[in-house]
């Protein structure tokens, strides 16, 4: 009986700790408004230091986009005119490319 009480206490403490450290549902960047259109090309090049995202605007109009990174800060917004390109470089161990969003 004593073992069951200890297990129940351990489960309750673990469940409470999990809730306390869970990320809030609104953790998405406030300035990101949605996935960038498909005419903004974004090949990702991984290397030993992290990754590089090449942002290429093949759209007919100017686009504002940002790179969304898991486990690290997102990029700043890039304003790309038609035909323009930019490079975002992430150097670190924890970040992973997630997506490219409008801003």
N, C-alpha and C. Protein backbone atom coordinates (compact mmCIF):
# COMPACT_ATOMS: atom_id res chain seq x y z
N UNK A 1 0.82 -1.19 0.00
CA UNK A 1 0.00 0.00 0.00
C UNK A 1 0.87 1.26 0.00
N UNK A 2 1.97 1.21 0.74
CA UNK A 2 2.88 2.34 0.81
C UNK A 2 3.47 2.67 -0.57
N UNK A 3 3.82 1.64 -1.33
CA UNK A 3 4.37 1.81 -2.66
C UNK A 3 3.38 2.49 -3.59
N UNK A 4 2.11 2.15 -3.50
CA UNK A 4 1.08 2.77 -4.33
C UNK A 4 0.95 4.25 -4.02
N UNK A 5 1.03 4.63 -2.73
CA UNK A 5 0.95 6.04 -2.35
C UNK A 5 2.15 6.81 -2.92
N UNK A 6 3.35 6.22 -2.85
CA UNK A 6 4.54 6.88 -3.39
C UNK A 6 4.43 7.06 -4.90
N UNK A 7 3.97 6.03 -5.59
CA UNK A 7 3.80 6.14 -7.04
C UNK A 7 2.77 7.20 -7.38
N UNK A 8 1.67 7.24 -6.66
CA UNK A 8 0.64 8.25 -6.92
C UNK A 8 1.19 9.64 -6.70
N UNK A 9 1.98 9.83 -5.65
CA UNK A 9 2.59 11.13 -5.38
C UNK A 9 3.57 11.51 -6.49
N UNK A 10 4.38 10.57 -6.93
CA UNK A 10 5.35 10.83 -8.00
C UNK A 10 4.64 11.21 -9.29
N UNK A 11 3.57 10.54 -9.62
CA UNK A 11 2.81 10.85 -10.83
C UNK A 11 2.20 12.24 -10.72
N UNK A 12 1.66 12.58 -9.56
CA UNK A 12 1.05 13.90 -9.38
C UNK A 12 2.09 15.01 -9.49
N UNK A 13 3.27 14.82 -8.90
CA UNK A 13 4.33 15.82 -8.98
C UNK A 13 4.81 15.96 -10.42
N UNK A 14 4.99 14.87 -11.13
CA UNK A 14 5.43 14.92 -12.53
C UNK A 14 4.40 15.63 -13.40
N UNK A 15 3.13 15.34 -13.20
CA UNK A 15 2.08 15.99 -13.99
C UNK A 15 2.05 17.48 -13.72
N UNK A 16 2.22 17.88 -12.46
CA UNK A 16 2.22 19.30 -12.12
C UNK A 16 3.42 20.00 -12.74
N UNK A 17 4.59 19.38 -12.66
CA UNK A 17 5.80 19.97 -13.24
C UNK A 17 5.67 20.09 -14.75
N UNK A 18 5.07 19.12 -15.41
CA UNK A 18 4.89 19.18 -16.86
C UNK A 18 4.00 20.33 -17.25
N UNK A 19 2.94 20.57 -16.51
CA UNK A 19 2.03 21.68 -16.80
C UNK A 19 2.72 23.01 -16.54
N UNK A 20 3.52 23.08 -15.48
CA UNK A 20 4.18 24.32 -15.11
C UNK A 20 5.19 24.76 -16.18
N UNK A 21 5.83 23.81 -16.85
CA UNK A 21 6.85 24.16 -17.83
C UNK A 21 6.38 24.08 -19.27
N UNK A 22 5.13 23.82 -19.51
CA UNK A 22 4.61 23.75 -20.87
C UNK A 22 4.59 25.14 -21.48
N UNK A 23 4.87 25.24 -22.75
CA UNK A 23 4.86 26.53 -23.45
C UNK A 23 3.42 26.99 -23.64
N UNK A 24 3.18 28.29 -23.53
CA UNK A 24 1.82 28.78 -23.74
C UNK A 24 1.39 28.58 -25.18
N UNK A 25 0.10 28.46 -25.41
CA UNK A 25 -0.43 28.20 -26.74
C UNK A 25 -0.14 29.34 -27.69
N UNK A 26 0.06 30.55 -27.19
CA UNK A 26 0.29 31.71 -28.05
C UNK A 26 1.77 32.03 -28.19
N UNK A 27 2.62 31.00 -28.21
CA UNK A 27 4.06 31.21 -28.29
C UNK A 27 4.54 31.57 -29.69
N UNK A 28 3.67 31.54 -30.69
CA UNK A 28 4.06 31.89 -32.05
C UNK A 28 4.45 33.36 -32.13
N UNK A 29 5.37 33.72 -33.02
CA UNK A 29 5.77 35.11 -33.15
C UNK A 29 4.57 35.98 -33.51
N UNK A 30 4.45 37.11 -32.83
CA UNK A 30 3.30 37.98 -33.03
C UNK A 30 3.30 38.63 -34.41
N UNK A 31 4.48 38.81 -35.01
CA UNK A 31 4.55 39.50 -36.29
C UNK A 31 4.40 38.56 -37.49
N UNK A 32 4.53 37.27 -37.28
CA UNK A 32 4.36 36.33 -38.39
C UNK A 32 2.87 36.18 -38.68
N UNK A 33 2.49 36.34 -39.94
CA UNK A 33 1.07 36.30 -40.28
C UNK A 33 0.68 35.05 -41.05
N UNK A 34 1.61 34.26 -41.50
CA UNK A 34 1.29 33.04 -42.23
C UNK A 34 2.48 32.59 -43.05
N UNK A 35 2.33 31.45 -43.66
CA UNK A 35 3.40 30.89 -44.49
C UNK A 35 3.64 31.78 -45.70
N UNK A 36 4.90 31.96 -46.03
CA UNK A 36 5.25 32.76 -47.21
C UNK A 36 4.73 32.07 -48.46
N UNK A 37 4.36 32.85 -49.49
CA UNK A 37 3.85 32.23 -50.71
C UNK A 37 4.93 31.38 -51.40
N UNK A 38 4.47 30.45 -52.22
CA UNK A 38 5.40 29.52 -52.87
C UNK A 38 6.32 30.21 -53.87
N UNK A 39 5.98 31.42 -54.28
CA UNK A 39 6.87 32.14 -55.21
C UNK A 39 8.09 32.72 -54.50
N UNK A 40 8.11 32.65 -53.17
CA UNK A 40 9.32 32.97 -52.42
C UNK A 40 10.04 31.65 -52.18
N UNK A 41 11.08 31.42 -52.94
CA UNK A 41 11.84 30.18 -52.84
C UNK A 41 12.73 30.25 -51.61
N UNK A 42 12.94 29.12 -50.95
CA UNK A 42 13.72 29.11 -49.72
C UNK A 42 14.51 27.82 -49.52
N UNK A 43 15.45 27.55 -50.40
CA UNK A 43 16.28 26.36 -50.18
C UNK A 43 17.09 26.51 -48.89
N UNK A 44 17.19 25.42 -48.14
CA UNK A 44 17.92 25.40 -46.88
C UNK A 44 19.20 24.60 -47.08
N UNK A 45 20.30 25.17 -46.70
CA UNK A 45 21.61 24.53 -46.83
C UNK A 45 22.16 24.29 -45.42
N UNK A 46 22.28 23.02 -45.03
CA UNK A 46 22.80 22.69 -43.71
C UNK A 46 24.32 22.55 -43.76
N UNK A 47 24.98 22.94 -42.68
CA UNK A 47 26.42 22.77 -42.58
C UNK A 47 26.77 22.42 -41.14
N UNK A 48 28.04 22.26 -40.84
CA UNK A 48 28.46 21.82 -39.51
C UNK A 48 28.19 22.86 -38.43
N UNK A 49 28.00 24.12 -38.82
CA UNK A 49 27.77 25.20 -37.86
C UNK A 49 26.30 25.52 -37.65
N UNK A 50 25.40 25.00 -38.48
CA UNK A 50 23.98 25.32 -38.40
C UNK A 50 23.34 25.17 -39.78
N UNK A 51 22.78 26.27 -40.28
CA UNK A 51 22.17 26.23 -41.61
C UNK A 51 22.09 27.64 -42.20
N UNK A 52 21.87 27.67 -43.51
CA UNK A 52 21.68 28.92 -44.25
C UNK A 52 20.42 28.78 -45.09
N UNK A 53 19.56 29.80 -45.06
CA UNK A 53 18.36 29.80 -45.90
C UNK A 53 18.54 30.88 -46.95
N UNK A 54 18.43 30.48 -48.20
CA UNK A 54 18.49 31.42 -49.32
C UNK A 54 17.05 31.82 -49.64
N UNK A 55 16.72 33.10 -49.47
CA UNK A 55 15.38 33.61 -49.75
C UNK A 55 15.39 34.28 -51.11
N UNK A 56 14.58 33.78 -52.04
CA UNK A 56 14.56 34.29 -53.41
C UNK A 56 13.13 34.67 -53.75
N UNK A 57 12.91 35.93 -54.07
CA UNK A 57 11.57 36.38 -54.43
C UNK A 57 11.37 36.25 -55.94
N UNK A 58 10.59 35.26 -56.35
CA UNK A 58 10.24 35.09 -57.76
C UNK A 58 8.81 35.58 -58.02
N UNK A 59 8.23 36.27 -57.03
CA UNK A 59 6.86 36.81 -57.16
C UNK A 59 6.88 38.06 -58.03
N UNK A 60 5.70 38.50 -58.44
CA UNK A 60 5.57 39.71 -59.25
C UNK A 60 5.55 40.97 -58.39
N UNK A 61 5.47 40.81 -57.07
CA UNK A 61 5.42 41.98 -56.18
C UNK A 61 6.40 41.80 -55.02
N UNK A 62 6.65 42.89 -54.32
CA UNK A 62 7.54 42.88 -53.16
C UNK A 62 6.92 42.05 -52.05
N UNK A 63 7.75 41.26 -51.36
CA UNK A 63 7.29 40.42 -50.25
C UNK A 63 8.14 40.68 -49.03
N UNK A 64 7.50 40.63 -47.85
CA UNK A 64 8.20 40.73 -46.56
C UNK A 64 8.11 39.37 -45.88
N UNK A 65 9.27 38.75 -45.62
CA UNK A 65 9.30 37.41 -45.05
C UNK A 65 10.33 37.33 -43.93
N UNK A 66 10.17 36.30 -43.10
CA UNK A 66 11.12 36.00 -42.03
C UNK A 66 11.28 34.50 -41.93
N UNK A 67 12.43 34.07 -41.44
CA UNK A 67 12.71 32.65 -41.25
C UNK A 67 12.32 32.27 -39.82
N UNK A 68 11.49 31.25 -39.68
CA UNK A 68 11.06 30.75 -38.38
C UNK A 68 12.00 29.61 -38.00
N UNK A 69 12.59 29.72 -36.82
CA UNK A 69 13.59 28.76 -36.35
C UNK A 69 13.06 28.11 -35.07
N UNK A 70 13.06 26.79 -35.03
CA UNK A 70 12.71 26.07 -33.81
C UNK A 70 13.91 26.10 -32.87
N UNK A 71 13.66 26.30 -31.59
CA UNK A 71 14.65 26.26 -30.53
C UNK A 71 15.71 27.36 -30.60
N UNK A 72 15.39 28.45 -31.30
CA UNK A 72 16.28 29.61 -31.37
C UNK A 72 15.45 30.80 -31.87
N UNK A 73 15.97 32.01 -31.73
CA UNK A 73 15.21 33.19 -32.20
C UNK A 73 14.98 33.15 -33.71
N UNK A 74 13.84 33.68 -34.14
CA UNK A 74 13.54 33.80 -35.56
C UNK A 74 14.36 34.94 -36.16
N UNK A 75 14.39 34.99 -37.48
CA UNK A 75 15.13 36.05 -38.15
C UNK A 75 14.35 37.36 -38.09
N UNK A 76 15.00 38.41 -38.48
CA UNK A 76 14.32 39.69 -38.69
C UNK A 76 13.52 39.58 -39.99
N UNK A 77 12.67 40.57 -40.26
CA UNK A 77 11.92 40.58 -41.52
C UNK A 77 12.83 41.04 -42.66
N UNK A 78 12.71 40.37 -43.79
CA UNK A 78 13.41 40.76 -45.01
C UNK A 78 12.39 41.30 -45.99
N UNK A 79 12.67 42.46 -46.59
CA UNK A 79 11.82 43.01 -47.64
C UNK A 79 12.52 42.72 -48.96
N UNK A 80 11.87 41.90 -49.80
CA UNK A 80 12.47 41.46 -51.05
C UNK A 80 11.65 41.95 -52.23
N UNK A 81 12.27 42.73 -53.08
CA UNK A 81 11.64 43.16 -54.33
C UNK A 81 11.61 41.98 -55.29
N UNK A 82 10.80 42.03 -56.35
CA UNK A 82 10.79 40.94 -57.33
C UNK A 82 12.21 40.68 -57.88
N UNK A 83 12.62 39.43 -57.85
CA UNK A 83 13.95 39.05 -58.34
C UNK A 83 15.06 39.19 -57.32
N UNK A 84 14.78 39.78 -56.19
CA UNK A 84 15.82 39.99 -55.17
C UNK A 84 15.97 38.74 -54.30
N UNK A 85 17.17 38.58 -53.74
CA UNK A 85 17.40 37.46 -52.83
C UNK A 85 18.17 37.93 -51.61
N UNK A 86 18.06 37.16 -50.54
CA UNK A 86 18.78 37.43 -49.30
C UNK A 86 19.16 36.10 -48.68
N UNK A 87 20.11 36.16 -47.78
CA UNK A 87 20.58 34.95 -47.11
C UNK A 87 20.42 35.13 -45.61
N UNK A 88 19.85 34.12 -44.95
CA UNK A 88 19.79 34.11 -43.48
C UNK A 88 20.68 32.98 -43.00
N UNK A 89 21.61 33.31 -42.12
CA UNK A 89 22.55 32.31 -41.60
C UNK A 89 22.27 32.10 -40.12
N UNK A 90 22.09 30.84 -39.73
CA UNK A 90 21.98 30.48 -38.32
C UNK A 90 23.20 29.66 -37.95
N UNK A 91 23.90 30.10 -36.90
CA UNK A 91 25.04 29.35 -36.39
C UNK A 91 24.75 29.00 -34.94
N UNK A 92 24.66 27.72 -34.67
CA UNK A 92 24.39 27.26 -33.31
C UNK A 92 24.06 25.78 -33.32
N UNK A 93 23.85 25.26 -32.12
CA UNK A 93 23.59 23.83 -31.98
C UNK A 93 22.11 23.50 -31.82
N UNK A 94 21.33 24.43 -31.30
CA UNK A 94 19.95 24.08 -30.94
C UNK A 94 18.91 24.42 -32.00
N UNK A 95 19.17 25.36 -32.86
CA UNK A 95 18.16 25.83 -33.81
C UNK A 95 18.00 24.93 -35.02
N UNK A 96 16.74 24.81 -35.47
CA UNK A 96 16.41 24.05 -36.67
C UNK A 96 15.46 24.87 -37.53
N UNK A 97 15.65 24.84 -38.83
CA UNK A 97 14.75 25.54 -39.73
C UNK A 97 13.35 24.96 -39.59
N UNK A 98 12.36 25.84 -39.44
CA UNK A 98 10.96 25.42 -39.34
C UNK A 98 10.22 25.81 -40.59
N UNK A 99 10.21 27.10 -40.94
CA UNK A 99 9.43 27.55 -42.10
C UNK A 99 9.84 28.97 -42.44
N UNK A 100 9.23 29.49 -43.49
CA UNK A 100 9.37 30.89 -43.87
C UNK A 100 7.98 31.50 -43.84
N UNK A 101 7.84 32.60 -43.12
CA UNK A 101 6.53 33.23 -42.92
C UNK A 101 6.53 34.66 -43.41
N UNK A 102 5.35 35.17 -43.68
CA UNK A 102 5.22 36.58 -44.03
C UNK A 102 5.27 37.41 -42.76
N UNK A 103 5.62 38.68 -42.91
CA UNK A 103 5.63 39.57 -41.75
C UNK A 103 5.19 40.97 -42.16
